[in-house]
C-alpha cells in the first residue's frame, strides 16, 4: 500500500523499507524515518502510515516467560513526539489508548515468524510504562 502511494504521488524514495521477516520503514543516516520531509517537518505518507507510526512513540515487547505485553515509551532523544507526550499527560493517555489498540491488533494478526522478528528488534532508548496480559492466543503463537 505504501509503495503504491509513493508511486501514485511521485514520491521518489530509494529502498524505503528494511526487509527481513517483517518490513518496516528505513531510517536515514541521522536516525530519522525515511518518510519524514525534514523541510516541512511532516510525514510524506501520513494518510497510509504503518502501525509503527500510528503507535509511535509507544512501542512494545512480549515477555514469553511471564506472558506479559510490555509497553514502552520512546525517549525524546529518538522521537520528537515523545517529548510532547512526556509534558502533556492528557495527550499521552489519549495517544496511549490508540497505540495500544493498534499494537494489539498487529500482535494478533502477525504470524509467529513476523512477530518474533519484531520482538528481536532492540529499542534501547525507551522507558517501560506498563504491562498487560498478552493473551492465550498470542502466547500459543509464540510457543509454536
Protein backbone atom coordinates (compact mmCIF):
# COMPACT_ATOMS: atom_id res chain seq x y z
CA UNK A 1 0.00 0.00 0.00
CA UNK A 2 2.80 2.43 0.86
CA UNK A 3 4.76 1.63 -2.29
CA UNK A 4 1.63 2.26 -4.36
CA UNK A 5 1.08 5.55 -2.53
CA UNK A 6 4.66 6.64 -3.25
CA UNK A 7 4.30 5.79 -6.92
CA UNK A 8 0.86 7.42 -7.31
CA UNK A 9 2.14 10.63 -5.68
CA UNK A 10 5.51 10.75 -7.49
CA UNK A 11 7.46 10.46 -4.25
CA UNK A 12 10.86 9.00 -5.03
CA UNK A 13 12.50 7.16 -2.14
CA UNK A 14 15.15 4.54 -2.79
CA UNK A 15 14.76 1.41 -0.68
CA UNK A 16 12.16 2.78 1.74
CA UNK A 17 11.99 -0.38 3.85
CA UNK A 18 14.24 -2.57 5.94
CA UNK A 19 13.27 -6.03 4.79
CA UNK A 20 13.55 -9.30 6.55
CA UNK A 21 10.88 -11.38 8.16
CA UNK A 22 8.99 -8.12 8.79
CA UNK A 23 9.32 -4.98 6.66
CA UNK A 24 9.46 -1.60 8.40
CA UNK A 25 10.39 1.95 7.37
CA UNK A 26 14.12 2.51 6.95
CA UNK A 27 15.92 5.19 8.94
CA UNK A 28 18.13 7.83 7.40
CA UNK A 29 21.80 8.06 8.40
CA UNK A 30 20.90 10.63 11.06
CA UNK A 31 18.24 8.37 12.62
CA UNK A 32 15.04 9.83 11.20
CA UNK A 33 12.30 7.97 9.38
CA UNK A 34 12.87 7.83 5.63
CA UNK A 35 9.35 9.23 5.11
CA UNK A 36 9.93 12.43 7.10
CA UNK A 37 10.00 15.57 4.99
CA UNK A 38 12.61 17.45 7.00
CA UNK A 39 11.86 20.78 5.29
CA UNK A 40 8.14 20.65 6.09
CA UNK A 41 8.58 18.66 9.31
CA UNK A 42 5.80 16.30 8.26
CA UNK A 43 5.31 12.71 7.21
CA UNK A 44 5.12 12.25 3.45
CA UNK A 45 2.93 9.16 3.79
CA UNK A 46 0.69 10.27 6.65
CA UNK A 47 -2.54 9.00 5.06
CA UNK A 48 -1.15 5.45 4.69
CA UNK A 49 1.32 5.30 7.55
CA UNK A 50 2.05 1.87 9.07
CA UNK A 51 1.28 0.62 12.58
CA UNK A 52 4.65 1.64 13.92
CA UNK A 53 3.86 5.25 13.06
CA UNK A 54 0.30 5.18 14.36
CA UNK A 55 1.51 3.80 17.68
CA UNK A 56 4.78 5.72 17.89
CA UNK A 57 6.33 6.72 20.20
CA UNK A 58 4.73 3.87 22.11
CA UNK A 59 6.24 0.50 21.35
CA UNK A 60 6.09 -2.96 22.86
CA UNK A 61 7.79 -6.19 23.75
CA UNK A 62 6.43 -9.52 24.89
CA UNK A 63 7.93 -11.38 27.82
CA UNK A 64 7.34 -15.00 26.85
CA UNK A 65 8.11 -16.24 30.36
CA UNK A 66 5.59 -14.02 32.15
CA UNK A 67 3.05 -13.78 29.32
CA UNK A 68 3.10 -10.00 29.56
CA UNK A 69 2.75 -7.49 26.78
CA UNK A 70 5.13 -4.76 27.92
CA UNK A 71 4.54 -1.15 26.85
CA UNK A 72 7.41 1.29 26.33
CA UNK A 73 7.59 4.99 25.54
CA UNK A 74 10.45 6.10 23.33
CA UNK A 75 12.61 8.89 24.70
CA UNK A 76 12.63 12.35 23.19
CA UNK A 77 16.18 11.59 22.05
CA UNK A 78 14.79 9.44 19.24
CA UNK A 79 11.22 10.71 18.87
CA UNK A 80 10.19 14.39 18.99
CA UNK A 81 6.56 13.42 19.72
CA UNK A 82 7.71 11.67 22.89
CA UNK A 83 8.81 14.99 24.39
CA UNK A 84 5.31 16.40 23.87
CA UNK A 85 3.69 13.36 25.39
CA UNK A 86 6.02 13.45 28.40
CA UNK A 87 4.81 17.01 29.10
CA UNK A 88 1.08 16.56 28.41
CA UNK A 89 -0.37 13.63 30.37
CA UNK A 90 -3.85 14.03 28.85
CA UNK A 91 -2.43 13.84 25.33
CA UNK A 92 -0.30 10.88 26.42
CA UNK A 93 -3.30 8.91 27.68
CA UNK A 94 -5.32 9.65 24.54
CA UNK A 95 -2.43 8.53 22.34
CA UNK A 96 -1.69 5.52 24.54
CA UNK A 97 -5.22 4.17 24.08
CA UNK A 98 -4.97 4.43 20.29
CA UNK A 99 -1.43 2.99 20.21
CA UNK A 100 -2.31 0.02 22.39
CA UNK A 101 -5.34 -0.76 20.23
CA UNK A 102 -3.23 -0.69 17.05
CA UNK A 103 -0.39 -2.76 18.55
CA UNK A 104 -2.76 -5.38 19.98
CA UNK A 105 -4.33 -5.74 16.51
CA UNK A 106 -0.89 -6.14 14.95
CA UNK A 107 0.22 -8.73 17.52
CA UNK A 108 -2.93 -10.80 16.91
CA UNK A 109 -2.70 -10.60 13.10
CA UNK A 110 1.00 -11.30 12.53
CA UNK A 111 2.19 -14.82 12.06
CA UNK A 112 4.65 -16.20 14.62
CA UNK A 113 7.72 -15.65 12.42
CA UNK A 114 6.96 -11.97 11.76
CA UNK A 115 6.10 -11.36 15.42
CA UNK A 116 9.38 -12.96 16.54
CA UNK A 117 11.25 -10.73 14.04
CA UNK A 118 9.68 -7.61 15.55
CA UNK A 119 10.44 -8.77 19.08
CA UNK A 120 14.10 -9.27 18.13
CA UNK A 121 14.49 -5.57 17.27
CA UNK A 122 16.33 -3.80 20.05
CA UNK A 123 14.91 -0.44 21.12
CA UNK A 124 17.30 0.86 23.78
CA UNK A 125 16.03 4.44 24.03
CA UNK A 126 12.71 3.55 25.66
CA UNK A 127 11.17 3.56 29.12
CA UNK A 128 8.77 0.84 30.29
CA UNK A 129 5.43 2.42 31.19
CA UNK A 130 3.04 -0.51 31.69
CA UNK A 131 2.32 -4.17 31.08
CA UNK A 132 -0.77 -6.24 30.34
CA UNK A 133 -1.50 -9.91 29.80
CA UNK A 134 -0.67 -10.88 26.23
CA UNK A 135 -3.46 -13.42 25.97
CA UNK A 136 -3.51 -17.16 25.39
CA UNK A 137 -3.74 -16.92 21.59
CA UNK A 138 -0.57 -14.87 21.26
CA UNK A 139 1.29 -16.91 23.89
CA UNK A 140 0.46 -20.09 21.97
CA UNK A 141 1.56 -18.50 18.70
CA UNK A 142 4.97 -17.61 20.15
CA UNK A 143 5.44 -21.11 21.56
CA UNK A 144 4.69 -22.78 18.22
